[in-house]
Amino acid sequence: MRKGLATLCLLASAMLAAPTAFAQQGKAPAAPAAKAGDAKKNDKKAAPKEIELEDEADGPVTAGQMTEEAAQAKRLFDAERWSESALLLKRVVDGETGDDEGNKQIAQYHLAIALYRLQFYQASYAIFSEIADKTNHLKFNETLLWLSKLATQLPEPADIIERVGKYKSEQVARFNNPQQRDLYWQLNYLLGRYKYRNRNYEEAISLFEKVDAKSKYYVQAQFFTGISNVQLRKSVPAVKSFQRIVQALDEGVEGVEDESRMRDLAFLSMARTYYSASVRLDDNSVPKIDGNKLSAAVKYWNRVDVGSEYWLDALFEQSWAYFMAGDYPHALGNMHTIESPYFPNAFYPEADILKAVISFTICQYQDATTIVARMRKRYEPIKKELEAILNRFKGEDAETKFFDFLKDVRAGKAALSPTVKPIVENALSDRQLLRNLEYVRVLDEEDARYKKAPAAFRNSPVGGDVTDALSLARDLAVRNAGTLARERYQRYLDELNEHLRDASKILIDITAAERNKLDQEVVSGQLTKEEALVFGVVKPDDEHVLWPFNGEYWRDELGFYRQVVTSKCGK
């Protein structure tokens, strides 16, 4: 559902993206090589050498002579016998070999790498997370490299961004060399996302600007630069960032999963930025409209592709801009398109609010009353049904139950009436929600790999760590997904309630306006002279023809409807 753009705040850009956000999804790419000693010796094509940070960070912990068992674990590790080395490294980490703290920390680092090589990414991440939490850990610096690798293997809800946030830009800068430039750009993007999450927008922008146009993270970095500037109320640099997205896509930038979607999202963001900048309140709190910026907003809304998932949103949001400009025929024509049978699952209750507001503005009070009455008759039963569904998920373990409901909705198995089914499906189709579902799927796949491991590994202490890490991560992912899904559902319901309250306010305004008109008639002793001001008379030209609407919709007419309206406001 959408808030009225008359009071639009550009937080909506972040919300769409949240989807936006832009986690690497789908099949995990092949793991990049680690340091030279970890590379497979039989690779036909040698990977670029990765220059790691210094082997040991200065700190109170030092590594002395390792025990023979620890040395054997290291020999197995160097020979890339990952499973065998992991069993021995676990003994070192647990203190069973008698090694000092320094050697235990080094063994912990190597154990995390071994688990990564075995494709037990969540278990590897659990260990690297512990290391990243200790700035004096001997392998704290080197762990940043592996966090970047894990960011390509685990979806965004694994929250690797939070661990990258433990590092400073100076530590990221050490990767700024010809061999690791791609890694440098990726880490600046991840650290920028951490700063953005914590509302340090200036720092976030500074980091995003270090992501080169050659990076596969460039488009995402530009998008977050744009919405960071929106948060700082800097519309000009925000628009420039969104424009750079379109330019990069036109020039064939690589690494963008859905170029068409990203292009449309950039246009939508530019339109919203211009719209927000076009409406300002003067000293008396009276809205002042900048016509040039409003026209720019309409221009970018029009550039959203008709086949885009954002097209109806663009069409509806554009209606508010037309209303602010006094172009009621365009505004009403857009909503006529949205309500066509071509979009049976479209859910825009605010469209009725805008139609009622337009009727009220031109003093068509009876029409406004009728629109509000029809809206309440349609949506109040929907509100009650949505509330009844939500009330089923209360009490203990509500998050897990709502997660199961989310899966049923996505699979089309949820027991929902035809009326609310498309509404619930829209509410639970948020991209951030889908990323959480993807994370659970990835964890289940990893668990399946673990179950195929040799019994000696599964029954060992390190095998127990793997299954514990998977179990904990999955439980947390399910709860987070259930919580997020419930919040999305609640937001839809809250917005519907707000629109119904707005409808009631319109009725109050209509009653007051009609009473005021009656009072004027009593005072003057005569009816006010109504001015027959007609809006929306279309004059066809060489490129356009006039085709009156007779109740039949045509696809090629969508987006081109205009509605003639007549003002009944007295002089």
Protein backbone atom coordinates (compact mmCIF):
# COMPACT_ATOMS: atom_id res chain seq x y z
CA MET A 1 0.00 0.00 0.00
CA ARG A 2 1.12 3.56 -0.54
CA LYS A 3 1.05 6.73 1.48
CA GLY A 4 -0.29 9.86 -0.17
CA LEU A 5 2.52 11.49 -2.06
CA ALA A 6 1.33 14.87 -0.89
CA THR A 7 3.23 14.04 2.28
CA LEU A 8 5.69 11.63 0.72
CA CYS A 9 8.97 11.21 2.51
CA LEU A 10 11.79 9.74 0.45
CA LEU A 11 12.22 6.92 2.94
CA ALA A 12 10.07 5.05 0.40
CA SER A 13 13.11 4.79 -1.88
CA ALA A 14 15.00 2.89 0.78
CA MET A 15 11.97 0.71 1.48
CA LEU A 16 11.76 -0.36 -2.17
CA ALA A 17 15.14 -1.16 -2.35
CA ALA A 18 15.34 -2.78 0.78
CA PRO A 19 14.53 -4.49 -1.57
CA THR A 20 16.29 -3.73 -2.16
CA ALA A 21 18.74 -4.10 -1.04
CA PHE A 22 21.02 -6.07 -3.39
CA ALA A 23 22.30 -9.19 -1.81
CA GLN A 24 23.94 -11.72 -4.08
CA GLN A 25 21.34 -14.44 -4.49
CA GLY A 26 20.78 -17.60 -6.45
CA LYS A 27 23.52 -20.19 -6.92
CA ALA A 28 26.63 -19.37 -4.99
CA PRO A 29 29.55 -18.51 -7.26
CA ALA A 30 32.72 -20.52 -7.10
CA ALA A 31 34.78 -19.60 -4.08
CA PRO A 32 37.65 -17.23 -4.97
CA ALA A 33 41.17 -18.31 -4.15
CA ALA A 34 42.67 -17.49 -0.78
CA LYS A 35 46.33 -16.76 -0.23
CA ALA A 36 48.86 -18.51 -2.42
CA GLY A 37 49.42 -21.30 0.06
CA ASP A 38 45.72 -22.18 -0.01
CA ALA A 39 45.35 -22.33 -3.80
CA LYS A 40 44.76 -25.68 -5.38
CA LYS A 41 47.96 -26.95 -6.91
CA ASN A 42 46.26 -28.57 -9.90
CA ASP A 43 44.40 -25.47 -11.10
CA LYS A 44 44.94 -25.11 -14.84
CA LYS A 45 44.67 -21.34 -14.62
CA ALA A 46 46.26 -19.68 -11.65
CA ALA A 47 44.07 -17.14 -9.88
CA PRO A 48 45.50 -13.67 -9.18
CA LYS A 49 47.59 -13.74 -6.06
CA GLU A 50 45.75 -12.29 -3.09
CA ILE A 51 47.90 -10.18 -0.84
CA GLU A 52 46.70 -10.62 2.72
CA LEU A 53 47.26 -8.26 5.57
CA GLU A 54 50.14 -8.87 7.98
CA ASP A 55 50.26 -12.40 9.40
CA GLU A 56 50.03 -11.37 12.99
CA ALA A 57 48.59 -8.20 14.47
CA ASP A 58 50.33 -6.48 17.33
CA GLY A 59 48.66 -7.23 20.63
CA PRO A 60 49.10 -8.84 24.00
CA VAL A 61 48.75 -12.37 22.58
CA THR A 62 51.75 -14.04 20.96
CA ALA A 63 52.30 -17.47 19.47
CA GLY A 64 55.19 -19.60 20.72
CA GLN A 65 56.40 -23.02 19.67
CA MET A 66 53.46 -25.17 18.62
CA THR A 67 52.99 -28.75 19.76
CA GLU A 68 53.59 -31.67 17.40
CA GLU A 69 49.83 -32.22 17.13
CA ALA A 70 49.29 -28.61 16.14
CA ALA A 71 52.13 -28.89 13.63
CA GLN A 72 50.51 -32.00 12.14
CA ALA A 73 47.20 -30.12 11.85
CA LYS A 74 49.01 -27.34 9.98
CA ARG A 75 50.68 -29.84 7.62
CA LEU A 76 47.30 -31.37 6.80
CA PHE A 77 45.90 -27.88 6.27
CA ASP A 78 48.73 -26.93 3.90
CA ALA A 79 48.12 -30.18 2.00
CA GLU A 80 44.48 -29.10 1.59
CA ARG A 81 43.22 -32.16 3.43
CA TRP A 82 40.46 -30.00 4.86
CA SER A 83 38.39 -32.59 6.70
CA GLU A 84 41.37 -34.23 8.43
CA SER A 85 42.96 -30.92 9.34
CA ALA A 86 39.67 -29.62 10.76
CA LEU A 87 39.50 -32.53 13.22
CA LEU A 88 42.97 -31.80 14.58
CA LEU A 89 42.61 -28.01 14.49
CA LYS A 90 39.48 -28.33 16.64
CA ARG A 91 41.54 -30.13 19.30
CA VAL A 92 44.06 -27.28 19.29
CA VAL A 93 41.33 -24.66 19.57
CA ASP A 94 39.70 -26.50 22.47
CA GLY A 95 42.99 -26.59 24.36
CA GLU A 96 43.34 -30.38 24.25
CA THR A 97 46.87 -30.24 22.82
CA GLY A 98 48.33 -27.86 25.38
CA ASP A 99 49.18 -25.11 22.87
CA ASP A 100 49.43 -21.50 24.00
CA GLU A 101 46.74 -18.87 23.33
CA GLY A 102 48.48 -17.51 20.25
CA ASN A 103 48.63 -20.90 18.55
CA LYS A 104 45.03 -21.59 19.52
CA GLN A 105 43.99 -18.37 17.77
CA ILE A 106 45.94 -19.29 14.65
CA ALA A 107 44.37 -22.76 14.69
CA GLN A 108 40.92 -21.16 15.04
CA TYR A 109 41.56 -19.07 11.95
CA HIS A 110 42.73 -22.10 9.95
CA LEU A 111 39.73 -24.11 11.16
CA ALA A 112 37.38 -21.44 9.79
CA ILE A 113 39.18 -21.62 6.43
CA ALA A 114 38.99 -25.43 6.38
CA LEU A 115 35.23 -25.30 6.99
CA TYR A 116 34.89 -22.72 4.22
CA ARG A 117 36.74 -25.05 1.84
CA LEU A 118 34.39 -27.86 2.87
CA GLN A 119 31.50 -25.53 1.90
CA PHE A 120 30.21 -25.33 5.46
CA TYR A 121 29.88 -21.59 5.09
CA GLN A 122 27.65 -20.91 8.08
CA ALA A 123 29.96 -22.80 10.46
CA SER A 124 32.94 -20.98 8.95
CA TYR A 125 31.16 -17.65 9.37
CA ALA A 126 30.39 -18.43 13.02
CA ILE A 127 34.13 -18.76 13.72
CA PHE A 128 35.15 -15.74 11.66
CA SER A 129 32.48 -13.75 13.53
CA GLU A 130 34.16 -14.62 16.83
CA ILE A 131 37.51 -13.47 15.44
CA ALA A 132 36.04 -10.22 14.10
CA ASP A 133 34.69 -9.44 17.57
CA LYS A 134 38.25 -9.44 19.00
CA THR A 135 40.40 -6.63 17.67
CA ASN A 136 43.49 -8.07 19.39
CA HIS A 137 43.05 -11.49 17.79
CA LEU A 138 46.18 -12.51 15.89
CA LYS A 139 44.13 -13.04 12.72
CA PHE A 140 41.72 -10.13 13.10
CA ASN A 141 43.06 -8.32 10.02
CA GLU A 142 43.17 -11.39 7.77
CA THR A 143 39.57 -12.26 8.68
CA LEU A 144 38.31 -9.25 6.72
CA LEU A 145 39.33 -11.00 3.51
CA TRP A 146 37.29 -14.08 4.39
CA LEU A 147 34.26 -12.05 5.41
CA SER A 148 34.25 -10.62 1.88
CA LYS A 149 34.33 -14.16 0.48
CA LEU A 150 31.46 -15.25 2.72
CA ALA A 151 29.42 -12.26 1.57
CA THR A 152 29.27 -13.89 -1.87
CA GLN A 153 28.21 -17.27 -0.44
CA LEU A 154 25.63 -16.34 2.19
CA PRO A 155 22.57 -14.11 1.56
CA GLU A 156 22.35 -10.67 3.14
CA PRO A 157 20.27 -11.78 6.18
CA ALA A 158 23.35 -13.65 7.42
CA ASP A 159 24.38 -10.10 8.40
CA ILE A 160 27.99 -10.19 7.30
CA ILE A 161 27.68 -6.42 6.94
CA GLU A 162 27.56 -6.18 10.74
CA ARG A 163 30.90 -8.00 11.05
CA VAL A 164 32.54 -5.91 8.32
CA GLY A 165 31.44 -2.91 10.38
CA LYS A 166 33.97 -3.96 13.04
CA TYR A 167 36.74 -2.73 10.73
CA LYS A 168 37.90 0.77 9.87
CA SER A 169 38.32 2.32 6.46
CA GLU A 170 42.11 2.33 7.02
CA GLN A 171 42.04 -1.46 7.25
CA VAL A 172 39.97 -1.70 4.10
CA ALA A 173 42.44 0.62 2.35
CA ARG A 174 45.15 -2.04 2.63
CA PHE A 175 43.40 -3.95 -0.13
CA ASN A 176 43.76 -1.01 -2.52
CA ASN A 177 46.31 -2.66 -4.77
CA PRO A 178 46.16 -3.91 -8.39
CA GLN A 179 45.78 -7.54 -7.31
CA GLN A 180 42.85 -6.94 -4.93
CA ARG A 181 41.09 -3.89 -6.36
CA ASP A 182 37.77 -5.75 -6.79
CA LEU A 183 37.93 -6.82 -3.16
CA TYR A 184 38.70 -3.25 -2.12
CA TRP A 185 35.59 -1.99 -3.92
CA GLN A 186 33.43 -4.72 -2.42
CA LEU A 187 34.60 -3.99 1.14
CA ASN A 188 33.96 -0.27 0.74
CA TYR A 189 30.43 -1.11 -0.40
CA LEU A 190 29.84 -3.46 2.56
CA LEU A 191 31.29 -1.00 5.07
CA GLY A 192 29.21 1.76 3.49
CA ARG A 193 26.10 -0.35 3.97
CA TYR A 194 27.01 -0.71 7.65
CA LYS A 195 27.39 3.07 8.01
CA TYR A 196 24.11 3.62 6.15
CA ARG A 197 22.32 1.16 8.44
CA ASN A 198 23.55 3.14 11.43
CA ARG A 199 22.48 6.46 9.87
CA ASN A 200 26.03 7.72 9.40
CA TYR A 201 25.06 8.95 5.96
CA GLU A 202 28.05 11.22 5.31
CA GLU A 203 30.49 8.40 6.09
CA ALA A 204 28.40 5.99 4.01
CA ILE A 205 28.53 8.31 0.99
CA SER A 206 32.30 8.67 1.37
CA LEU A 207 32.70 4.89 1.27
CA PHE A 208 30.27 4.35 -1.59
CA GLU A 209 32.15 6.91 -3.66
CA LYS A 210 35.24 4.69 -3.49
CA VAL A 211 33.43 1.95 -5.43
CA ASP A 212 34.67 2.27 -8.99
CA ALA A 213 32.41 2.13 -12.04
CA LYS A 214 34.19 -1.10 -13.03
CA SER A 215 32.96 -2.84 -9.89
CA LYS A 216 29.94 -5.12 -9.90
CA TYR A 217 28.87 -3.24 -6.76
CA TYR A 218 28.92 0.16 -8.48
CA VAL A 219 25.20 0.38 -9.29
CA GLN A 220 24.21 -0.70 -5.77
CA ALA A 221 26.67 1.79 -4.29
CA GLN A 222 25.22 4.60 -6.39
CA PHE A 223 21.71 3.69 -5.31
CA PHE A 224 22.61 3.84 -1.63
CA THR A 225 24.52 7.08 -2.27
CA GLY A 226 21.32 8.50 -3.69
CA ILE A 227 19.08 7.52 -0.82
CA SER A 228 21.75 8.61 1.69
CA ASN A 229 21.61 12.07 0.10
CA VAL A 230 17.83 11.91 0.26
CA GLN A 231 18.09 11.28 3.99
CA LEU A 232 20.36 14.33 4.23
CA ARG A 233 17.79 16.33 2.19
CA LYS A 234 20.29 16.90 -0.61
CA SER A 235 18.13 16.42 -3.68
CA VAL A 236 20.62 17.52 -6.34
CA PRO A 237 23.39 15.01 -5.50
CA ALA A 238 20.70 12.37 -4.92
CA VAL A 239 19.35 12.78 -8.45
CA LYS A 240 22.89 12.72 -9.87
CA SER A 241 23.52 9.37 -8.19
CA PHE A 242 20.35 7.91 -9.66
CA GLN A 243 21.27 9.32 -13.07
CA ARG A 244 24.67 7.61 -12.85
CA ILE A 245 22.82 4.30 -12.40
CA VAL A 246 20.97 4.78 -15.68
CA GLN A 247 24.16 5.88 -17.42
CA ALA A 248 26.09 2.84 -16.14
CA LEU A 249 23.33 0.50 -17.31
CA ASP A 250 23.29 2.16 -20.72
CA GLU A 251 27.04 1.64 -20.96
CA GLY A 252 26.76 -2.07 -20.18
CA VAL A 253 27.95 -2.25 -16.59
CA GLU A 254 28.37 -5.81 -15.34
CA GLY A 255 27.21 -7.47 -12.14
CA VAL A 256 23.61 -6.21 -12.00
CA GLU A 257 21.18 -9.10 -11.67
CA ASP A 258 18.07 -7.36 -13.01
CA GLU A 259 19.06 -4.37 -15.11
CA SER A 260 15.52 -3.43 -16.16
CA ARG A 261 14.30 -3.40 -12.58
CA MET A 262 17.27 -1.33 -11.45
CA ARG A 263 16.72 1.17 -14.25
CA ASP A 264 13.03 1.58 -13.36
CA LEU A 265 13.90 1.89 -9.68
CA ALA A 266 16.33 4.70 -10.55
CA PHE A 267 13.62 6.53 -12.52
CA LEU A 268 11.14 6.03 -9.68
CA SER A 269 13.67 7.36 -7.16
CA MET A 270 14.39 10.43 -9.29
CA ALA A 271 10.67 11.14 -9.60
CA ARG A 272 10.17 10.88 -5.86
CA THR A 273 13.17 13.08 -5.15
CA TYR A 274 11.93 15.81 -7.48
CA TYR A 275 8.40 15.53 -6.09
CA SER A 276 9.57 15.92 -2.51
CA ALA A 277 11.69 18.90 -3.49
CA SER A 278 8.76 20.50 -5.36
CA VAL A 279 6.52 20.85 -2.29
CA ARG A 280 7.58 23.33 0.39
CA LEU A 281 5.71 25.04 3.21
CA ASP A 282 5.95 28.81 3.56
CA ASP A 283 6.07 30.67 6.88
CA ASN A 284 2.31 30.23 7.26
CA SER A 285 2.53 26.46 6.59
CA VAL A 286 0.88 26.91 3.19
CA PRO A 287 2.21 24.50 0.53
CA LYS A 288 4.17 26.16 -2.26
CA ILE A 289 4.68 24.22 -5.46
CA ASP A 290 7.77 24.44 -7.68
CA GLY A 291 6.32 23.78 -11.11
CA ASN A 292 9.64 22.91 -12.74
CA LYS A 293 10.49 20.24 -10.18
CA LEU A 294 6.96 18.87 -10.32
CA SER A 295 7.25 18.59 -14.11
CA ALA A 296 10.60 16.81 -13.73
CA ALA A 297 8.98 14.32 -11.33
CA VAL A 298 6.22 13.58 -13.85
CA LYS A 299 8.82 13.15 -16.60
CA TYR A 300 10.70 10.45 -14.67
CA TRP A 301 7.52 8.66 -13.59
CA ASN A 302 6.65 8.47 -17.28
CA ARG A 303 9.99 6.78 -18.01
CA VAL A 304 9.16 3.76 -15.84
CA ASP A 305 8.52 0.94 -18.32
CA VAL A 306 4.91 -0.14 -18.78
CA GLY A 307 5.95 -3.75 -18.19
CA SER A 308 7.74 -2.94 -14.94
CA GLU A 309 6.60 -4.15 -11.55
CA TYR A 310 6.76 -0.48 -10.53
CA TRP A 311 4.57 0.86 -13.34
CA LEU A 312 1.32 0.97 -11.36
CA ASP A 313 3.13 2.57 -8.42
CA ALA A 314 4.56 5.18 -10.78
CA LEU A 315 1.14 5.79 -12.32
CA PHE A 316 -0.50 6.23 -8.94
CA GLU A 317 2.23 8.42 -7.45
CA GLN A 318 2.12 10.53 -10.59
CA SER A 319 -1.58 11.10 -9.89
CA TRP A 320 -0.72 12.99 -6.73
CA ALA A 321 1.64 15.21 -8.70
CA TYR A 322 -1.09 15.95 -11.23
CA PHE A 323 -3.44 16.76 -8.36
CA MET A 324 -0.92 19.17 -6.84
CA ALA A 325 -0.60 20.82 -10.26
CA GLY A 326 -4.39 21.10 -10.57
CA ASP A 327 -4.46 18.68 -13.51
CA TYR A 328 -7.42 16.64 -12.28
CA PRO A 329 -8.21 14.96 -15.64
CA HIS A 330 -4.74 13.34 -15.73
CA ALA A 331 -4.96 12.28 -12.08
CA LEU A 332 -8.38 10.68 -12.50
CA GLY A 333 -7.37 9.11 -15.83
CA ASN A 334 -4.39 7.39 -14.21
CA MET A 335 -6.59 5.90 -11.51
CA HIS A 336 -9.02 4.73 -14.18
CA THR A 337 -6.11 2.71 -15.62
CA ILE A 338 -5.14 1.28 -12.22
CA GLU A 339 -8.71 0.07 -11.66
CA SER A 340 -8.94 -1.66 -15.04
CA PRO A 341 -9.52 -5.44 -15.18
CA TYR A 342 -5.96 -5.87 -16.49
CA PHE A 343 -4.77 -5.51 -12.90
CA PRO A 344 -7.18 -7.61 -10.82
CA ASN A 345 -4.73 -7.92 -7.93
CA ALA A 346 -3.91 -4.22 -7.69
CA PHE A 347 -4.54 -2.89 -4.19
CA TYR A 348 -4.70 0.92 -4.04
CA PRO A 349 -7.30 1.99 -1.45
CA GLU A 350 -5.69 5.43 -1.42
CA ALA A 351 -6.92 5.89 -5.00
CA ASP A 352 -10.43 6.36 -3.62
CA ILE A 353 -9.09 8.94 -1.17
CA LEU A 354 -7.52 10.93 -3.99
CA LYS A 355 -10.68 10.72 -6.09
CA ALA A 356 -12.75 11.93 -3.15
CA VAL A 357 -10.30 14.77 -2.48
CA ILE A 358 -10.50 15.89 -6.12
CA SER A 359 -14.32 15.82 -6.02
CA PHE A 360 -14.24 17.82 -2.79
CA THR A 361 -11.81 20.34 -4.30
CA ILE A 362 -14.13 21.06 -7.22
CA CYS A 363 -17.13 21.20 -4.85
CA GLN A 364 -18.70 18.00 -6.18
CA TYR A 365 -19.74 17.11 -2.62
CA GLN A 366 -22.28 14.48 -3.56
CA ASP A 367 -19.73 12.65 -5.72
CA ALA A 368 -17.16 12.81 -2.93
CA THR A 369 -19.66 11.38 -0.45
CA THR A 370 -20.55 8.55 -2.83
CA ILE A 371 -16.86 7.67 -3.42
CA VAL A 372 -16.18 7.53 0.32
CA ALA A 373 -19.26 5.42 0.97
CA ARG A 374 -18.27 2.91 -1.70
CA MET A 375 -14.73 2.77 -0.39
CA ARG A 376 -15.85 2.03 3.16
CA LYS A 377 -18.29 -0.61 1.97
CA ARG A 378 -15.52 -2.35 0.04
CA TYR A 379 -12.57 -2.10 2.44
CA GLU A 380 -14.04 -2.33 5.94
CA PRO A 381 -14.89 -6.06 5.50
CA ILE A 382 -11.37 -6.59 4.09
CA LYS A 383 -9.89 -4.88 7.13
CA LYS A 384 -11.84 -7.15 9.48
CA GLU A 385 -10.76 -10.27 7.60
CA LEU A 386 -7.11 -9.19 7.61
CA GLU A 387 -7.33 -8.55 11.36
CA ALA A 388 -8.87 -11.97 11.95
CA ILE A 389 -6.01 -13.65 10.08
CA LEU A 390 -3.40 -11.72 12.05
CA ASN A 391 -5.03 -12.60 15.37
CA ARG A 392 -4.38 -16.28 14.65
CA PHE A 393 -0.65 -15.68 15.15
CA LYS A 394 -0.29 -14.62 18.75
CA GLY A 395 1.35 -16.02 21.84
CA GLU A 396 4.30 -18.35 22.15
CA ASP A 397 6.34 -19.15 19.03
CA ALA A 398 4.27 -16.68 16.98
CA GLU A 399 7.25 -15.85 14.75
CA THR A 400 7.76 -19.46 13.69
CA LYS A 401 4.05 -19.90 13.02
CA PHE A 402 3.98 -16.77 10.88
CA PHE A 403 7.03 -18.04 9.00
CA ASP A 404 5.10 -21.21 8.15
CA PHE A 405 2.19 -19.02 7.05
CA LEU A 406 4.60 -17.01 4.87
CA LYS A 407 5.82 -20.19 3.17
CA ASP A 408 2.24 -21.34 2.59
CA VAL A 409 1.34 -17.96 1.06
CA ARG A 410 4.37 -18.07 -1.23
CA ALA A 411 3.49 -21.62 -2.27
CA GLY A 412 -0.18 -20.75 -2.85
CA LYS A 413 -1.28 -23.17 -0.12
CA ALA A 414 -2.61 -20.69 2.47
CA ALA A 415 -6.33 -20.92 3.28
CA LEU A 416 -7.36 -17.41 2.19
CA SER A 417 -10.55 -16.09 0.67
CA PRO A 418 -10.36 -14.84 -2.95
CA THR A 419 -10.89 -11.31 -1.66
CA VAL A 420 -7.85 -11.07 0.59
CA LYS A 421 -5.60 -13.61 -1.14
CA PRO A 422 -3.99 -11.11 -3.57
CA ILE A 423 -3.70 -8.51 -0.80
CA VAL A 424 -1.84 -10.89 1.53
CA GLU A 425 0.36 -12.10 -1.34
CA ASN A 426 1.32 -8.51 -2.15
CA ALA A 427 2.01 -7.75 1.50
CA LEU A 428 4.33 -10.76 1.76
CA SER A 429 6.19 -10.32 -1.54
CA ASP A 430 8.72 -7.83 -0.21
CA ARG A 431 12.24 -8.50 -1.52
CA GLN A 432 13.75 -8.35 1.93
CA LEU A 433 11.34 -11.09 2.96
CA LEU A 434 12.36 -13.16 -0.04
CA ARG A 435 16.01 -12.77 0.91
CA ASN A 436 15.21 -14.19 4.35
CA LEU A 437 13.48 -17.15 2.73
CA GLU A 438 16.53 -17.60 0.53
CA TYR A 439 18.77 -17.64 3.60
CA VAL A 440 16.73 -20.45 5.17
CA ARG A 441 16.97 -22.38 1.90
CA VAL A 442 20.76 -21.93 1.79
CA LEU A 443 21.06 -23.19 5.37
CA ASP A 444 18.94 -26.23 4.52
CA GLU A 445 21.19 -26.98 1.55
CA GLU A 446 24.26 -26.71 3.76
CA ASP A 447 22.66 -29.06 6.28
CA ALA A 448 22.07 -31.55 3.46
CA ARG A 449 25.77 -31.36 2.54
CA TYR A 450 26.72 -31.93 6.16
CA LYS A 451 24.56 -35.05 6.35
CA LYS A 452 26.49 -36.49 3.38
CA ALA A 453 29.84 -35.95 5.10
CA PRO A 454 31.78 -39.01 6.40
CA ALA A 455 30.55 -40.38 9.70
CA ALA A 456 33.93 -39.71 11.30
CA PHE A 457 33.49 -36.02 10.60
CA ARG A 458 29.82 -35.85 11.59
CA ASN A 459 30.44 -37.62 14.89
CA SER A 460 33.43 -35.47 15.81
CA PRO A 461 33.44 -32.30 17.97
CA VAL A 462 33.94 -30.15 14.87
CA GLY A 463 30.96 -31.89 13.27
CA GLY A 464 28.96 -30.95 16.35
CA ASP A 465 30.04 -27.33 15.89
CA VAL A 466 28.84 -27.40 12.29
CA THR A 467 25.40 -28.74 13.16
CA ASP A 468 25.11 -26.35 16.12
CA ALA A 469 25.97 -23.38 13.90
CA LEU A 470 23.41 -24.46 11.30
CA SER A 471 20.70 -25.12 13.87
CA LEU A 472 21.23 -21.79 15.62
CA ALA A 473 21.40 -19.83 12.37
CA ARG A 474 18.29 -21.49 10.95
CA ASP A 475 16.27 -20.94 14.11
CA LEU A 476 17.27 -17.28 14.14
CA ALA A 477 16.61 -16.90 10.39
CA VAL A 478 13.13 -18.43 10.74
CA ARG A 479 12.28 -16.15 13.66
CA ASN A 480 13.62 -13.08 11.86
CA ALA A 481 11.71 -13.94 8.69
CA GLY A 482 8.52 -14.55 10.69
CA THR A 483 8.92 -11.27 12.56
CA LEU A 484 9.61 -9.33 9.36
CA ALA A 485 6.65 -10.95 7.58
CA ARG A 486 4.34 -10.08 10.45
CA GLU A 487 5.60 -6.49 10.41
CA ARG A 488 4.97 -6.22 6.65
CA TYR A 489 1.47 -7.62 7.12
CA GLN A 490 0.81 -5.24 10.01
CA ARG A 491 2.00 -2.31 7.92
CA TYR A 492 -0.51 -3.11 5.19
CA LEU A 493 -3.26 -3.31 7.79
CA ASP A 494 -2.18 -0.07 9.49
CA GLU A 495 -2.15 1.79 6.19
CA LEU A 496 -5.61 0.50 5.31
CA ASN A 497 -6.88 1.69 8.70
CA GLU A 498 -5.30 5.09 8.07
CA HIS A 499 -6.99 5.39 4.68
CA LEU A 500 -10.34 4.53 6.24
CA ARG A 501 -9.76 7.23 8.88
CA ASP A 502 -8.92 9.68 6.08
CA ALA A 503 -12.21 8.77 4.43
CA SER A 504 -14.05 9.67 7.65
CA LYS A 505 -12.21 13.01 7.79
CA ILE A 506 -13.30 13.77 4.24
CA LEU A 507 -16.93 13.25 5.24
CA ILE A 508 -16.44 15.73 8.10
CA ASP A 509 -14.92 18.25 5.68
CA ILE A 510 -17.81 17.75 3.26
CA THR A 511 -20.35 18.39 6.01
CA ALA A 512 -18.52 21.56 7.07
CA ALA A 513 -18.25 22.82 3.47
CA GLU A 514 -21.94 22.23 2.78
CA ARG A 515 -22.89 23.99 6.03
CA ASN A 516 -20.69 26.94 5.10
CA LYS A 517 -22.31 27.14 1.70
CA LEU A 518 -25.77 27.07 3.29
CA ASP A 519 -24.80 29.83 5.73
CA GLN A 520 -23.68 32.00 2.83
CA GLU A 521 -27.02 31.46 1.12
CA VAL A 522 -28.88 32.51 4.26
CA VAL A 523 -26.79 35.66 4.66
CA SER A 524 -26.97 36.71 1.03
CA GLY A 525 -30.57 35.62 0.55
CA GLN A 526 -29.71 33.96 -2.71
CA LEU A 527 -27.85 31.00 -4.08
CA THR A 528 -24.25 31.50 -5.07
CA LYS A 529 -23.66 31.60 -8.77
CA GLU A 530 -21.84 28.45 -9.77
CA GLU A 531 -19.01 28.74 -12.21
CA ALA A 532 -19.06 26.08 -14.88
CA LEU A 533 -15.31 25.50 -15.01
CA VAL A 534 -14.59 22.42 -17.11
CA PHE A 535 -11.34 20.47 -16.87
CA GLY A 536 -10.05 17.83 -19.28
CA VAL A 537 -11.54 18.69 -22.65
CA VAL A 538 -9.20 16.79 -24.98
CA LYS A 539 -8.45 18.21 -28.41
CA PRO A 540 -7.06 15.58 -30.77
CA ASP A 541 -4.19 16.41 -33.11
CA ASP A 542 -2.34 14.77 -35.99
CA GLU A 543 -0.83 12.13 -33.67
CA HIS A 544 -3.80 11.49 -31.38
CA VAL A 545 -7.45 10.58 -31.77
CA LEU A 546 -10.30 10.92 -29.30
CA TRP A 547 -11.85 7.59 -28.35
CA PRO A 548 -14.68 7.91 -25.77
CA PHE A 549 -14.69 5.25 -23.07
CA ASN A 550 -17.76 3.02 -23.35
CA GLY A 551 -16.99 0.56 -20.56
CA GLU A 552 -14.56 -1.53 -22.60
CA TYR A 553 -10.85 -1.41 -21.73
CA TRP A 554 -8.09 -1.78 -24.31
CA ARG A 555 -4.52 -2.54 -23.29
CA ASP A 556 -2.98 0.06 -25.60
CA GLU A 557 -5.18 2.72 -23.96
CA LEU A 558 -3.78 2.09 -20.48
CA GLY A 559 -2.08 5.18 -19.13
CA PHE A 560 -3.75 7.50 -21.65
CA TYR A 561 -7.18 7.96 -20.07
CA ARG A 562 -8.44 11.46 -19.21
CA GLN A 563 -11.59 12.30 -17.30
CA VAL A 564 -13.53 15.47 -17.93
CA VAL A 565 -14.50 17.15 -14.65
CA THR A 566 -16.58 20.21 -13.88
CA SER A 567 -16.09 22.48 -10.89
CA LYS A 568 -19.20 23.48 -8.96
CA CYS A 569 -17.43 25.91 -6.69
CA GLY A 570 -19.16 29.28 -6.48
CA LYS A 571 -17.45 32.55 -7.20
